[in-house]
Amino acid sequence: MNGASREALAAARERLDALTDSTSVDAAQLADELAAVTALLDREVSLRRVLTDPAQAADAKADLAGRIFSGQVSGATVDLVAGTVRSRWSQSRDLVDALEELADTADLTAAQKAGALDDVEDEMFRFGRIVSSSTELRAALTNRSANAQAKSELLRSLLGGRANVATERLVTRLVTAPRGRSLEAGLESLSKLAAERRDRLVATVTSAVPLSDPQKQRLGAALAKLYGRQMHLNIDVDPEVLGGIRVQVGDEVINGSIADRLEDAGRRMAS
C-alpha cells in the first residue's frame, strides 16, 4: 500500500488493537465477522468504491457502513469497519486488503490471548513445508475448479485435532479465499503477522488524571526503547493514584510520577 492507504491501515491496526485488548471482545468472533465483511466487499465492487470514494464525506461513508452491517455483525465489528471507511484509501481494493489483514490479526490475537501464538506460528511454517513437498496436495488446495467446501473438508482432515484452532481457521480462509495470492505468499504473509504480534507488548497505565497526547507519546516511546519492543498503551484513570502513574508490562509493575519514570527510563537506556 502507498500513501493514504498505508496511513489508513496503520490507524485501522490501532483501532483493532484497542478493541482486542479489551477482555469483553471475542477476538475469534471479530475475525469471523471481519472475514465476512471482506468477502462481501471483495464481491461488491461498486459498494467498496462508494465506501472509499474521496469525494464522499467521511461521516456519510461511516453511516452507510453502519446501515449495511448493523444487525449482521456485532457492534464492535460495525464500529471498526465504520472507522476504517472514514479513512482515505488510495485504491478501493486497499480497503478490502486491510480488512482481510485485520481478520487474520484478530485470529492471531485470539491465539496470543490463549498462549498459543508460538504454536500457531510453528504450525503454519510446518504446514507450508508439507505443502511445498507434496505436489499432489498443493494441486488439490490450489485447484480453482474445486469448490471451497471440498477444500475445507480436506484441510479439516489434515489439521482437525492436530493443529490449533486458529491455525486451521487462518489456513482455511487462505485456501478457500486466496484473493489472487499464491498459497506460499499467503502463508508468508500470515507468518509475518504472527511475528509482529509476538513482538508487541501491552502496557497497562493507571494515572490520576487523563494523560495528554504528548505525555502518552513520551511514555510510549520511553517504554518501547526500554523493553526493545513495540508498545501499546491501555490507559485507565484512577484518582487514588495521587498524581503519579502505575505501569504494568506483563508481570512487571512500575510505580512513580510520569516525570520520574521517564527520567529513570532515560538513565537506564543510557547506561
C-alpha atoms as a PDB file:
ATOM      1  CA  MET A   1       0.000   0.000   0.000  1.00  0.00           C
ATOM      2  CA  ASN A   2       1.107   3.550  -0.668  1.00  0.00           C
ATOM      3  CA  GLY A   3       0.425   6.996   0.737  1.00  0.00           C
ATOM      4  CA  ALA A   4      -3.026   7.430   2.192  1.00  0.00           C
ATOM      5  CA  SER A   5      -3.769   3.704   2.304  1.00  0.00           C
ATOM      6  CA  ARG A   6      -0.682   2.993   4.371  1.00  0.00           C
ATOM      7  CA  GLU A   7      -1.730   5.616   6.915  1.00  0.00           C
ATOM      8  CA  ALA A   8      -5.305   4.315   6.917  1.00  0.00           C
ATOM      9  CA  LEU A   9      -4.092   0.768   7.568  1.00  0.00           C
ATOM     10  CA  ALA A  10      -1.925   1.934  10.471  1.00  0.00           C
ATOM     11  CA  ALA A  11      -4.950   3.665  12.014  1.00  0.00           C
ATOM     12  CA  ALA A  12      -7.102   0.562  11.481  1.00  0.00           C
ATOM     13  CA  ARG A  13      -4.489  -1.593  13.224  1.00  0.00           C
ATOM     14  CA  GLU A  14      -4.548   0.728  16.226  1.00  0.00           C
ATOM     15  CA  ARG A  15      -8.343   0.541  16.410  1.00  0.00           C
ATOM     16  CA  LEU A  16      -8.203  -3.251  16.245  1.00  0.00           C
ATOM     17  CA  ASP A  17      -5.579  -3.371  18.993  1.00  0.00           C
ATOM     18  CA  ALA A  18      -7.728  -1.167  21.198  1.00  0.00           C
ATOM     19  CA  LEU A  19     -10.707  -3.466  20.658  1.00  0.00           C
ATOM     20  CA  THR A  20      -8.939  -6.767  21.148  1.00  0.00           C
ATOM     21  CA  ASP A  21      -7.070  -5.564  24.225  1.00  0.00           C
ATOM     22  CA  SER A  22     -10.471  -5.466  25.913  1.00  0.00           C
ATOM     23  CA  THR A  23     -11.363  -8.713  27.659  1.00  0.00           C
ATOM     24  CA  SER A  24     -15.011  -8.225  26.683  1.00  0.00           C
ATOM     25  CA  VAL A  25     -14.305  -8.599  22.948  1.00  0.00           C
ATOM     26  CA  ASP A  26     -14.221 -12.081  21.415  1.00  0.00           C
ATOM     27  CA  ALA A  27     -11.291 -11.813  19.003  1.00  0.00           C
ATOM     28  CA  ALA A  28     -12.212 -15.024  17.165  1.00  0.00           C
ATOM     29  CA  GLN A  29     -15.759 -13.786  16.566  1.00  0.00           C
ATOM     30  CA  LEU A  30     -14.360 -10.463  15.413  1.00  0.00           C
ATOM     31  CA  ALA A  31     -12.130 -12.346  12.949  1.00  0.00           C
ATOM     32  CA  ASP A  32     -15.087 -14.270  11.529  1.00  0.00           C
ATOM     33  CA  GLU A  33     -17.145 -11.127  11.082  1.00  0.00           C
ATOM     34  CA  LEU A  34     -14.309  -9.153   9.512  1.00  0.00           C
ATOM     35  CA  ALA A  35     -13.729 -12.038   7.117  1.00  0.00           C
ATOM     36  CA  ALA A  36     -17.416 -11.936   6.147  1.00  0.00           C
ATOM     37  CA  VAL A  37     -17.221  -8.184   5.506  1.00  0.00           C
ATOM     38  CA  THR A  38     -14.064  -8.754   3.464  1.00  0.00           C
ATOM     39  CA  ALA A  39     -15.803 -11.360   1.322  1.00  0.00           C
ATOM     40  CA  LEU A  40     -18.784  -9.067   0.711  1.00  0.00           C
ATOM     41  CA  LEU A  41     -16.676  -6.079  -0.316  1.00  0.00           C
ATOM     42  CA  ASP A  42     -14.470  -8.301  -2.459  1.00  0.00           C
ATOM     43  CA  ARG A  43     -17.591  -9.333  -4.437  1.00  0.00           C
ATOM     44  CA  GLU A  44     -19.385  -5.985  -4.451  1.00  0.00           C
ATOM     45  CA  VAL A  45     -17.017  -3.729  -6.361  1.00  0.00           C
ATOM     46  CA  SER A  46     -19.484  -0.839  -6.601  1.00  0.00           C
ATOM     47  CA  LEU A  47     -20.068  -0.854  -2.841  1.00  0.00           C
ATOM     48  CA  ARG A  48     -16.399  -0.743  -1.935  1.00  0.00           C
ATOM     49  CA  ARG A  49     -15.900   2.069  -4.416  1.00  0.00           C
ATOM     50  CA  VAL A  50     -18.619   4.080  -2.700  1.00  0.00           C
ATOM     51  CA  LEU A  51     -17.088   3.376   0.709  1.00  0.00           C
ATOM     52  CA  THR A  52     -13.677   4.586  -0.462  1.00  0.00           C
ATOM     53  CA  ASP A  53     -14.825   7.484  -2.652  1.00  0.00           C
ATOM     54  CA  PRO A  54     -12.707  10.510  -1.622  1.00  0.00           C
ATOM     55  CA  ALA A  55     -15.461  12.825  -2.862  1.00  0.00           C
ATOM     56  CA  GLN A  56     -17.844  11.476  -0.200  1.00  0.00           C
ATOM     57  CA  ALA A  57     -17.814  12.823   3.354  1.00  0.00           C
ATOM     58  CA  ALA A  58     -16.202  10.528   5.905  1.00  0.00           C
ATOM     59  CA  ASP A  59     -19.293  10.609   8.137  1.00  0.00           C
ATOM     60  CA  ALA A  60     -21.537   9.684   5.208  1.00  0.00           C
ATOM     61  CA  LYS A  61     -19.403   6.658   4.382  1.00  0.00           C
ATOM     62  CA  ALA A  62     -19.320   5.565   8.016  1.00  0.00           C
ATOM     63  CA  ASP A  63     -23.105   5.939   8.278  1.00  0.00           C
ATOM     64  CA  LEU A  64     -23.568   3.832   5.141  1.00  0.00           C
ATOM     65  CA  ALA A  65     -21.347   1.104   6.531  1.00  0.00           C
ATOM     66  CA  GLY A  66     -23.315   1.199   9.774  1.00  0.00           C
ATOM     67  CA  ARG A  67     -26.632   0.794   7.947  1.00  0.00           C
ATOM     68  CA  ILE A  68     -25.339  -2.085   5.855  1.00  0.00           C
ATOM     69  CA  PHE A  69     -23.684  -4.117   8.591  1.00  0.00           C
ATOM     70  CA  SER A  70     -25.736  -3.325  11.702  1.00  0.00           C
ATOM     71  CA  GLY A  71     -27.671  -6.421  12.680  1.00  0.00           C
ATOM     72  CA  GLN A  72     -25.429  -8.594  10.512  1.00  0.00           C
ATOM     73  CA  VAL A  73     -22.317  -8.423  12.693  1.00  0.00           C
ATOM     74  CA  SER A  74     -21.547  -7.333  16.253  1.00  0.00           C
ATOM     75  CA  GLY A  75     -21.421  -3.704  17.294  1.00  0.00           C
ATOM     76  CA  ALA A  76     -17.655  -3.917  17.757  1.00  0.00           C
ATOM     77  CA  THR A  77     -17.213  -5.027  14.153  1.00  0.00           C
ATOM     78  CA  VAL A  78     -19.588  -2.341  12.872  1.00  0.00           C
ATOM     79  CA  ASP A  79     -17.639   0.330  14.757  1.00  0.00           C
ATOM     80  CA  LEU A  80     -14.322  -0.979  13.460  1.00  0.00           C
ATOM     81  CA  VAL A  81     -15.493  -1.111   9.841  1.00  0.00           C
ATOM     82  CA  ALA A  82     -17.138   2.317  10.098  1.00  0.00           C
ATOM     83  CA  GLY A  83     -13.943   3.795  11.489  1.00  0.00           C
ATOM     84  CA  THR A  84     -11.933   2.159   8.723  1.00  0.00           C
ATOM     85  CA  VAL A  85     -14.066   3.569   5.896  1.00  0.00           C
ATOM     86  CA  ARG A  86     -13.741   7.042   7.393  1.00  0.00           C
ATOM     87  CA  SER A  87     -10.080   6.973   6.395  1.00  0.00           C
ATOM     88  CA  ARG A  88      -8.818   7.915   2.967  1.00  0.00           C
ATOM     89  CA  TRP A  89      -7.767   4.997   0.754  1.00  0.00           C
ATOM     90  CA  SER A  90      -5.594   5.313  -2.358  1.00  0.00           C
ATOM     91  CA  GLN A  91      -7.444   2.448  -4.047  1.00  0.00           C
ATOM     92  CA  SER A  92     -10.763   0.810  -3.221  1.00  0.00           C
ATOM     93  CA  ARG A  93      -9.153  -2.635  -3.129  1.00  0.00           C
ATOM     94  CA  ASP A  94      -6.782  -1.471  -0.404  1.00  0.00           C
ATOM     95  CA  LEU A  95      -9.765  -1.299   1.958  1.00  0.00           C
ATOM     96  CA  VAL A  96     -10.545  -4.972   1.328  1.00  0.00           C
ATOM     97  CA  ASP A  97      -6.897  -5.963   1.782  1.00  0.00           C
ATOM     98  CA  ALA A  98      -6.830  -4.065   5.069  1.00  0.00           C
ATOM     99  CA  LEU A  99      -9.982  -5.736   6.389  1.00  0.00           C
ATOM    100  CA  GLU A 100      -8.573  -9.128   5.440  1.00  0.00           C
ATOM    101  CA  GLU A 101      -5.410  -8.358   7.405  1.00  0.00           C
ATOM    102  CA  LEU A 102      -7.482  -7.220  10.382  1.00  0.00           C
ATOM    103  CA  ALA A 103      -9.408 -10.509  10.309  1.00  0.00           C
ATOM    104  CA  ASP A 104      -6.173 -12.511  10.290  1.00  0.00           C
ATOM    105  CA  THR A 105      -4.708 -10.352  13.047  1.00  0.00           C
ATOM    106  CA  ALA A 106      -7.811 -10.856  15.190  1.00  0.00           C
ATOM    107  CA  ASP A 107      -7.409 -14.640  14.924  1.00  0.00           C
ATOM    108  CA  LEU A 108      -3.725 -14.358  15.825  1.00  0.00           C
ATOM    109  CA  THR A 109      -4.678 -12.165  18.775  1.00  0.00           C
ATOM    110  CA  ALA A 110      -7.118 -14.830  19.963  1.00  0.00           C
ATOM    111  CA  ALA A 111      -4.272 -17.349  19.810  1.00  0.00           C
ATOM    112  CA  GLN A 112      -1.983 -14.927  21.645  1.00  0.00           C
ATOM    113  CA  LYS A 113      -4.520 -14.472  24.435  1.00  0.00           C
ATOM    114  CA  ALA A 114      -4.743 -18.252  24.748  1.00  0.00           C
ATOM    115  CA  GLY A 115      -0.953 -18.501  24.990  1.00  0.00           C
ATOM    116  CA  ALA A 116      -0.800 -20.415  21.697  1.00  0.00           C
ATOM    117  CA  LEU A 117       0.707 -17.868  19.294  1.00  0.00           C
ATOM    118  CA  ASP A 118       4.091 -19.604  19.121  1.00  0.00           C
ATOM    119  CA  ASP A 119       2.335 -22.893  18.337  1.00  0.00           C
ATOM    120  CA  VAL A 120       0.290 -21.268  15.574  1.00  0.00           C
ATOM    121  CA  GLU A 121       3.362 -19.697  14.026  1.00  0.00           C
ATOM    122  CA  ASP A 122       5.198 -23.019  14.109  1.00  0.00           C
ATOM    123  CA  GLU A 123       2.215 -24.931  12.698  1.00  0.00           C
ATOM    124  CA  MET A 124       1.840 -22.557   9.762  1.00  0.00           C
ATOM    125  CA  PHE A 125       5.529 -22.935   8.989  1.00  0.00           C
ATOM    126  CA  ARG A 126       5.324 -26.727   9.105  1.00  0.00           C
ATOM    127  CA  PHE A 127       2.144 -26.725   7.009  1.00  0.00           C
ATOM    128  CA  GLY A 128       3.928 -24.668   4.373  1.00  0.00           C
ATOM    129  CA  ARG A 129       6.793 -27.146   4.313  1.00  0.00           C
ATOM    130  CA  ILE A 130       4.371 -30.056   3.922  1.00  0.00           C
ATOM    131  CA  VAL A 131       2.576 -28.358   1.037  1.00  0.00           C
ATOM    132  CA  SER A 132       5.828 -27.473  -0.729  1.00  0.00           C
ATOM    133  CA  SER A 133       6.951 -31.099  -0.510  1.00  0.00           C
ATOM    134  CA  SER A 134       3.728 -32.534  -1.939  1.00  0.00           C
ATOM    135  CA  THR A 135       2.809 -31.584  -5.481  1.00  0.00           C
ATOM    136  CA  GLU A 136      -0.459 -33.501  -5.212  1.00  0.00           C
ATOM    137  CA  LEU A 137      -1.551 -31.754  -2.021  1.00  0.00           C
ATOM    138  CA  ARG A 138      -0.657 -28.318  -3.349  1.00  0.00           C
ATOM    139  CA  ALA A 139      -2.603 -29.002  -6.523  1.00  0.00           C
ATOM    140  CA  ALA A 140      -5.669 -30.044  -4.536  1.00  0.00           C
ATOM    141  CA  LEU A 141      -5.552 -26.947  -2.349  1.00  0.00           C
ATOM    142  CA  THR A 142      -4.999 -24.516  -5.206  1.00  0.00           C
ATOM    143  CA  ASN A 143      -7.301 -26.120  -7.775  1.00  0.00           C
ATOM    144  CA  ARG A 144      -9.576 -23.319  -8.989  1.00  0.00           C
ATOM    145  CA  SER A 145     -12.239 -25.740 -10.162  1.00  0.00           C
ATOM    146  CA  ALA A 146     -12.600 -27.332  -6.709  1.00  0.00           C
ATOM    147  CA  ASN A 147     -15.239 -25.732  -4.504  1.00  0.00           C
ATOM    148  CA  ALA A 148     -14.484 -24.155  -1.157  1.00  0.00           C
ATOM    149  CA  GLN A 149     -16.363 -26.849   0.781  1.00  0.00           C
ATOM    150  CA  ALA A 150     -14.192 -29.604  -0.660  1.00  0.00           C
ATOM    151  CA  LYS A 151     -11.032 -27.692   0.232  1.00  0.00           C
ATOM    152  CA  SER A 152     -12.321 -27.034   3.749  1.00  0.00           C
ATOM    153  CA  GLU A 153     -13.028 -30.728   4.262  1.00  0.00           C
ATOM    154  CA  LEU A 154      -9.551 -31.633   3.020  1.00  0.00           C
ATOM    155  CA  LEU A 155      -7.973 -29.173   5.438  1.00  0.00           C
ATOM    156  CA  ARG A 156     -10.140 -30.437   8.270  1.00  0.00           C
ATOM    157  CA  SER A 157      -8.877 -33.963   7.615  1.00  0.00           C
ATOM    158  CA  LEU A 158      -5.304 -32.685   7.646  1.00  0.00           C
ATOM    159  CA  LEU A 159      -5.423 -30.205  10.529  1.00  0.00           C
ATOM    160  CA  GLY A 160      -8.515 -31.006  12.597  1.00  0.00           C
ATOM    161  CA  GLY A 161      -7.440 -32.096  16.073  1.00  0.00           C
ATOM    162  CA  ARG A 162      -3.777 -31.876  15.075  1.00  0.00           C
ATOM    163  CA  ALA A 163      -3.319 -28.113  14.954  1.00  0.00           C
ATOM    164  CA  ASN A 164      -4.509 -25.148  16.970  1.00  0.00           C
ATOM    165  CA  VAL A 165      -7.983 -23.951  16.020  1.00  0.00           C
ATOM    166  CA  ALA A 166      -6.553 -20.569  14.987  1.00  0.00           C
ATOM    167  CA  THR A 167      -4.135 -22.273  12.595  1.00  0.00           C
ATOM    168  CA  GLU A 168      -6.969 -24.206  10.989  1.00  0.00           C
ATOM    169  CA  ARG A 169      -9.113 -21.088  10.657  1.00  0.00           C
ATOM    170  CA  LEU A 170      -6.321 -18.996   9.138  1.00  0.00           C
ATOM    171  CA  VAL A 171      -5.202 -21.642   6.658  1.00  0.00           C
ATOM    172  CA  THR A 172      -8.768 -22.489   5.672  1.00  0.00           C
ATOM    173  CA  ARG A 173      -9.549 -18.845   4.949  1.00  0.00           C
ATOM    174  CA  LEU A 174      -6.393 -18.507   2.893  1.00  0.00           C
ATOM    175  CA  VAL A 175      -7.086 -21.627   0.839  1.00  0.00           C
ATOM    176  CA  THR A 176     -10.799 -21.028   0.263  1.00  0.00           C
ATOM    177  CA  ALA A 177     -10.495 -17.278  -0.391  1.00  0.00           C
ATOM    178  CA  PRO A 178      -6.969 -16.619  -1.696  1.00  0.00           C
ATOM    179  CA  ARG A 179      -7.979 -13.347  -3.408  1.00  0.00           C
ATOM    180  CA  GLY A 180      -5.280 -13.667  -6.030  1.00  0.00           C
ATOM    181  CA  ARG A 181      -2.477 -14.690  -3.681  1.00  0.00           C
ATOM    182  CA  SER A 182      -0.448 -17.841  -4.113  1.00  0.00           C
ATOM    183  CA  LEU A 183      -0.599 -20.284  -1.227  1.00  0.00           C
ATOM    184  CA  GLU A 184       3.064 -19.652  -0.473  1.00  0.00           C
ATOM    185  CA  ALA A 185       2.666 -15.875  -0.460  1.00  0.00           C
ATOM    186  CA  GLY A 186      -0.387 -16.116   1.795  1.00  0.00           C
ATOM    187  CA  LEU A 187       1.396 -18.325   4.315  1.00  0.00           C
ATOM    188  CA  GLU A 188       4.375 -15.973   4.316  1.00  0.00           C
ATOM    189  CA  SER A 189       2.083 -13.016   4.990  1.00  0.00           C
ATOM    190  CA  LEU A 190       0.422 -14.857   7.882  1.00  0.00           C
ATOM    191  CA  SER A 191       3.808 -15.743   9.347  1.00  0.00           C
ATOM    192  CA  LYS A 192       4.846 -12.083   9.255  1.00  0.00           C
ATOM    193  CA  LEU A 193       1.644 -11.042  11.026  1.00  0.00           C
ATOM    194  CA  ALA A 194       2.254 -13.670  13.702  1.00  0.00           C
ATOM    195  CA  ALA A 195       5.803 -12.409  14.205  1.00  0.00           C
ATOM    196  CA  GLU A 196       4.510  -8.847  14.583  1.00  0.00           C
ATOM    197  CA  ARG A 197       2.045  -9.972  17.255  1.00  0.00           C
ATOM    198  CA  ARG A 198       4.766 -11.810  19.127  1.00  0.00           C
ATOM    199  CA  ASP A 199       6.971  -8.715  19.188  1.00  0.00           C
ATOM    200  CA  ARG A 200       4.242  -6.462  20.595  1.00  0.00           C
ATOM    201  CA  LEU A 201       3.823  -5.680  24.275  1.00  0.00           C
ATOM    202  CA  VAL A 202       0.888  -4.112  26.077  1.00  0.00           C
ATOM    203  CA  ALA A 203       1.429  -1.665  28.937  1.00  0.00           C
ATOM    204  CA  THR A 204      -1.481  -1.016  31.288  1.00  0.00           C
ATOM    205  CA  VAL A 205      -1.113   2.541  32.572  1.00  0.00           C
ATOM    206  CA  THR A 206      -3.135   3.846  35.521  1.00  0.00           C
ATOM    207  CA  SER A 207      -2.911   7.596  36.138  1.00  0.00           C
ATOM    208  CA  ALA A 208      -4.557  10.029  38.499  1.00  0.00           C
ATOM    209  CA  VAL A 209      -5.689  12.251  35.628  1.00  0.00           C
ATOM    210  CA  PRO A 210      -6.007  11.738  31.857  1.00  0.00           C
ATOM    211  CA  LEU A 211      -2.655  11.926  30.096  1.00  0.00           C
ATOM    212  CA  SER A 212      -2.137  14.473  27.333  1.00  0.00           C
ATOM    213  CA  ASP A 213      -1.170  13.256  23.864  1.00  0.00           C
ATOM    214  CA  PRO A 214       2.454  14.430  24.288  1.00  0.00           C
ATOM    215  CA  GLN A 215       2.651  12.587  27.621  1.00  0.00           C
ATOM    216  CA  LYS A 216       1.293   9.406  26.002  1.00  0.00           C
ATOM    217  CA  GLN A 217       3.796   9.699  23.183  1.00  0.00           C
ATOM    218  CA  ARG A 218       6.731  10.264  25.524  1.00  0.00           C
ATOM    219  CA  LEU A 219       5.705   7.423  27.795  1.00  0.00           C
ATOM    220  CA  GLY A 220       5.113   5.039  24.896  1.00  0.00           C
ATOM    221  CA  ALA A 221       8.443   5.905  23.295  1.00  0.00           C
ATOM    222  CA  ALA A 222      10.325   5.517  26.568  1.00  0.00           C
ATOM    223  CA  LEU A 223       8.756   2.143  27.302  1.00  0.00           C
ATOM    224  CA  ALA A 224       9.354   0.911  23.738  1.00  0.00           C
ATOM    225  CA  LYS A 225      13.032   1.799  23.999  1.00  0.00           C
ATOM    226  CA  LEU A 226      13.264   0.359  27.492  1.00  0.00           C
ATOM    227  CA  TYR A 227      11.774  -3.004  26.501  1.00  0.00           C
ATOM    228  CA  GLY A 228      13.063  -3.021  22.926  1.00  0.00           C
ATOM    229  CA  ARG A 229       9.647  -3.872  21.503  1.00  0.00           C
ATOM    230  CA  GLN A 230       6.575  -2.117  20.132  1.00  0.00           C
ATOM    231  CA  MET A 231       4.374  -0.926  22.970  1.00  0.00           C
ATOM    232  CA  HIS A 232       0.616  -0.387  23.095  1.00  0.00           C
ATOM    233  CA  LEU A 233      -0.734   1.687  25.986  1.00  0.00           C
ATOM    234  CA  ASN A 234      -4.004   0.859  27.734  1.00  0.00           C
ATOM    235  CA  ILE A 235      -4.736   3.874  29.917  1.00  0.00           C
ATOM    236  CA  ASP A 236      -7.094   3.963  32.907  1.00  0.00           C
ATOM    237  CA  VAL A 237      -7.781   6.933  35.181  1.00  0.00           C
ATOM    238  CA  ASP A 238      -7.859   6.384  38.944  1.00  0.00           C
ATOM    239  CA  PRO A 239      -7.773   9.449  41.267  1.00  0.00           C
ATOM    240  CA  GLU A 240      -6.339   7.282  44.061  1.00  0.00           C
ATOM    241  CA  VAL A 241      -3.024   7.110  42.220  1.00  0.00           C
ATOM    242  CA  LEU A 242      -2.392  10.534  43.812  1.00  0.00           C
ATOM    243  CA  GLY A 243      -0.692  12.362  40.975  1.00  0.00           C
ATOM    244  CA  GLY A 244       1.521   9.547  39.767  1.00  0.00           C
ATOM    245  CA  ILE A 245       1.171   6.613  37.456  1.00  0.00           C
ATOM    246  CA  ARG A 246       1.304   2.864  37.664  1.00  0.00           C
ATOM    247  CA  VAL A 247       2.611   0.970  34.634  1.00  0.00           C
ATOM    248  CA  GLN A 248       2.273  -2.787  34.292  1.00  0.00           C
ATOM    249  CA  VAL A 249       4.006  -4.654  31.465  1.00  0.00           C
ATOM    250  CA  GLY A 250       3.407  -8.359  31.805  1.00  0.00           C
ATOM    251  CA  ASP A 251       4.252  -9.255  35.393  1.00  0.00           C
ATOM    252  CA  GLU A 252       6.440  -6.188  35.942  1.00  0.00           C
ATOM    253  CA  VAL A 253       4.938  -3.187  37.737  1.00  0.00           C
ATOM    254  CA  ILE A 254       6.483   0.293  37.733  1.00  0.00           C
ATOM    255  CA  ASN A 255       5.230   2.948  40.130  1.00  0.00           C
ATOM    256  CA  GLY A 256       6.068   6.652  40.242  1.00  0.00           C
ATOM    257  CA  SER A 257       5.358  10.030  38.717  1.00  0.00           C
ATOM    258  CA  ILE A 258       5.423  10.484  34.971  1.00  0.00           C
ATOM    259  CA  ALA A 259       8.458  12.745  35.068  1.00  0.00           C
ATOM    260  CA  ASP A 260      10.358  10.496  37.468  1.00  0.00           C
ATOM    261  CA  ARG A 261       9.704   7.345  35.493  1.00  0.00           C
ATOM    262  CA  LEU A 262      10.614   8.911  32.160  1.00  0.00           C
ATOM    263  CA  GLU A 263      13.808  10.312  33.650  1.00  0.00           C
ATOM    264  CA  ASP A 264      14.658   6.929  35.144  1.00  0.00           C
ATOM    265  CA  ALA A 265      13.903   5.194  31.823  1.00  0.00           C
ATOM    266  CA  GLY A 266      16.245   7.615  30.087  1.00  0.00           C
ATOM    267  CA  ARG A 267      19.029   6.882  32.570  1.00  0.00           C
ATOM    268  CA  ARG A 268      18.548   3.140  32.151  1.00  0.00           C
ATOM    269  CA  MET A 269      18.682   3.421  28.360  1.00  0.00           C
ATOM    270  CA  ALA A 270      21.861   5.497  28.543  1.00  0.00           C
ATOM    271  CA  SER A 271      23.643   3.080  30.834  1.00  0.00           C
END
